Each structure stands twice: as structure tokens, then as C-alpha cells.
Amino acid sequence: MQATVLGDAYVIDDTLLDVDEPELRRQLVEYEAGERREFDVAVEFPDGFRGDIMRAMTAIPYGETRTYGDLAADLDSAGQAVGQACGANPVPVVVPCHRVVAADSLGGFSAQGGTAAKRRLLAFERGEGSQSQLDAF
């Protein structure tokens, strides 16, 4: 399904979520309104490394970030492999790949809005709204 969050379009593979589309849309609206910090949906994680990365992303608290290196160390892997798995996340926003950043920069973001969308999501979760605060990432 297609969804818009904070003005950016996302493609969310809702076949991996144990929720119907109207409920998922309701939760996305609540997230965007600042009324929801976690999604109340079961995710069908893929087997293997990508699923492990998606589980790790889900564990990152709202408003916080972890680096690719942090996740790589936790999973005995390499930061580049973590970045590739984040980029293949089929359920962005719900599984918060935007909360994974590089050690010295924002890192990448494969959703349609690119790193600008990632910056908006992170700033939103931190309660920051001015352009100067958004540019800090």
C-alpha cells in the first residue's frame, strides 16, 4: 500500500503485517499526529539476516538512533551489510529504518523522499521542527 507520512510517500508491504489496511492507516495518522510512538501490528519478519536487522530496528526506541556499526556489532556483521538490509526494509516507518544512521552522518534512506524524508522523520520524533534543526542531521 502507499501511505503519506509527514508529506513523504512510502510504499509499505502490508502483506507482511498482521493488520488490515484501514487500521494501519489509522495508526499512521496517529503517528503523524504525535499520538503514537509504536505501531501495534505484528510483523512477519523474513528469515535470515534481513529479518534479524528488521527486529533490531524495531527495538530502537522512538526519538533515538543507532548506527549501522552498532547493529553490525550486535549481530556480528559489517556496517555495509546492515545498510543494505535497512535499504531493503519492506515496511518503512512501521519498522523504523530511519532510526539507523551512519557514525558521522545521516547515512542513506531508500524510501521515495530519500535522506530528506529520513531527516524529517528523525526531527519529528525528536520534537524538532525548524529548518536549522532539520539541517543538523
Protein backbone atom coordinates (compact mmCIF):
# COMPACT_ATOMS: atom_id res chain seq x y z
CA MET A 1 0.00 0.00 0.00
CA GLN A 2 1.00 3.60 -0.48
CA ALA A 3 0.91 5.94 2.51
CA THR A 4 1.96 9.51 3.10
CA VAL A 5 3.67 10.45 6.36
CA LEU A 6 4.88 13.99 7.05
CA GLY A 7 4.37 14.81 3.38
CA ASP A 8 6.51 11.96 2.07
CA ALA A 9 5.15 8.95 0.17
CA TYR A 10 6.04 5.45 1.36
CA VAL A 11 5.36 2.04 -0.13
CA ILE A 12 4.55 -0.32 2.73
CA ASP A 13 4.25 -4.05 2.04
CA ASP A 14 1.20 -4.59 4.23
CA THR A 15 1.17 -8.31 3.36
CA LEU A 16 3.93 -8.63 5.97
CA LEU A 17 1.77 -7.01 8.65
CA ASP A 18 -0.98 -8.67 10.66
CA VAL A 19 -3.35 -5.71 10.36
CA ASP A 20 -5.92 -4.59 7.83
CA GLU A 21 -5.25 -1.51 5.72
CA PRO A 22 -7.76 0.81 7.45
CA GLU A 23 -6.24 0.01 10.86
CA LEU A 24 -2.70 0.55 9.58
CA ARG A 25 -3.72 3.88 8.06
CA ARG A 26 -5.33 4.88 11.37
CA GLN A 27 -2.10 4.09 13.22
CA LEU A 28 -0.03 6.03 10.67
CA VAL A 29 -2.31 9.06 11.14
CA GLU A 30 -1.88 8.75 14.92
CA TYR A 31 1.91 8.54 14.49
CA GLU A 32 1.92 11.64 12.30
CA ALA A 33 -0.25 13.48 14.86
CA GLY A 34 2.26 12.63 17.60
CA GLU A 35 -0.26 10.36 19.34
CA ARG A 36 1.56 7.08 18.65
CA ARG A 37 5.19 6.12 19.21
CA GLU A 38 4.95 2.42 18.39
CA PHE A 39 2.83 0.51 15.93
CA ASP A 40 0.53 -2.14 17.31
CA VAL A 41 0.99 -4.64 14.49
CA ALA A 42 2.69 -7.99 14.24
CA VAL A 43 5.38 -8.04 11.56
CA GLU A 44 6.21 -11.17 9.59
CA PHE A 45 9.98 -10.81 9.55
CA PRO A 46 11.84 -12.56 6.73
CA ASP A 47 14.14 -15.41 7.62
CA GLY A 48 17.84 -14.74 7.96
CA PHE A 49 19.93 -11.63 8.25
CA ARG A 50 17.37 -9.16 6.86
CA GLY A 51 14.82 -10.35 9.41
CA ASP A 52 17.41 -10.03 12.19
CA ILE A 53 18.12 -6.44 11.12
CA MET A 54 14.41 -5.63 10.96
CA ARG A 55 13.93 -6.97 14.50
CA ALA A 56 16.86 -4.85 15.68
CA MET A 57 15.40 -1.74 14.01
CA THR A 58 12.05 -2.38 15.69
CA ALA A 59 13.80 -2.36 19.08
CA ILE A 60 15.20 1.17 18.61
CA PRO A 61 13.08 3.48 20.78
CA TYR A 62 11.11 6.38 19.31
CA GLY A 63 13.26 9.50 19.04
CA GLU A 64 16.54 7.60 19.31
CA THR A 65 19.03 6.35 16.75
CA ARG A 66 21.60 3.60 16.44
CA THR A 67 24.45 3.45 13.95
CA TYR A 68 24.92 0.86 11.26
CA GLY A 69 28.03 -0.12 13.22
CA ASP A 70 26.04 -0.57 16.45
CA LEU A 71 23.68 -3.02 14.78
CA ALA A 72 26.56 -4.72 12.98
CA ALA A 73 28.39 -5.27 16.27
CA ASP A 74 25.24 -6.65 17.90
CA LEU A 75 24.75 -9.10 15.03
CA ASP A 76 28.42 -9.91 14.36
CA SER A 77 28.23 -8.44 10.88
CA ALA A 78 29.51 -5.47 8.88
CA GLY A 79 28.03 -1.98 8.74
CA GLN A 80 27.66 -2.13 4.95
CA ALA A 81 25.58 -5.32 5.19
CA VAL A 82 23.38 -3.64 7.79
CA GLY A 83 22.93 -0.65 5.48
CA GLN A 84 21.89 -2.92 2.61
CA ALA A 85 19.38 -4.72 4.83
CA CYS A 86 17.98 -1.38 6.05
CA GLY A 87 17.62 -0.27 2.44
CA ALA A 88 15.59 -3.40 1.68
CA ASN A 89 13.10 -2.78 4.51
CA PRO A 90 9.68 -3.51 3.01
CA VAL A 91 7.73 -1.79 5.81
CA PRO A 92 9.33 1.64 6.36
CA VAL A 93 8.09 3.82 9.22
CA VAL A 94 6.41 0.78 10.87
CA VAL A 95 9.84 -0.88 11.08
CA PRO A 96 11.86 2.28 11.70
CA CYS A 97 14.85 2.00 9.37
CA HIS A 98 15.03 5.81 9.56
CA ARG A 99 16.44 5.41 13.10
CA VAL A 100 19.63 3.80 11.78
CA VAL A 101 22.32 6.35 10.88
CA ALA A 102 25.99 6.42 9.96
CA ALA A 103 28.57 7.11 12.65
CA ASP A 104 29.38 10.53 11.20
CA SER A 105 26.35 11.41 9.09
CA LEU A 106 22.71 10.72 8.41
CA GLY A 107 23.51 7.78 6.17
CA GLY A 108 21.20 6.73 3.37
CA PHE A 109 17.47 6.19 3.01
CA SER A 110 15.89 4.20 0.21
CA ALA A 111 12.32 5.48 0.56
CA GLN A 112 10.99 7.80 -2.14
CA GLY A 113 11.86 11.01 -0.26
CA GLY A 114 15.47 9.93 0.28
CA THR A 115 17.53 11.39 3.07
CA ALA A 116 15.29 14.47 3.28
CA ALA A 117 12.43 12.19 4.34
CA LYS A 118 14.70 10.43 6.84
CA ARG A 119 15.71 13.81 8.26
CA ARG A 120 12.03 14.83 8.62
CA LEU A 121 11.12 11.59 10.44
CA LEU A 122 14.04 11.90 12.85
CA ALA A 123 13.41 15.58 13.56
CA PHE A 124 9.70 14.89 14.06
CA GLU A 125 10.43 12.13 16.58
CA ARG A 126 12.79 14.42 18.46
CA GLY A 127 10.21 17.20 18.56
CA GLU A 128 12.29 19.43 16.31
CA GLY A 129 10.68 21.40 13.56
CA SER A 130 12.77 24.36 12.45
CA GLN A 131 14.83 24.11 9.27
CA SER A 132 18.07 24.77 11.19
CA GLN A 133 17.32 21.84 13.46
CA LEU A 134 16.49 19.66 10.45
CA ASP A 135 19.79 20.63 8.84
CA ALA A 136 21.70 19.39 11.91
CA PHE A 137 21.40 15.81 10.66
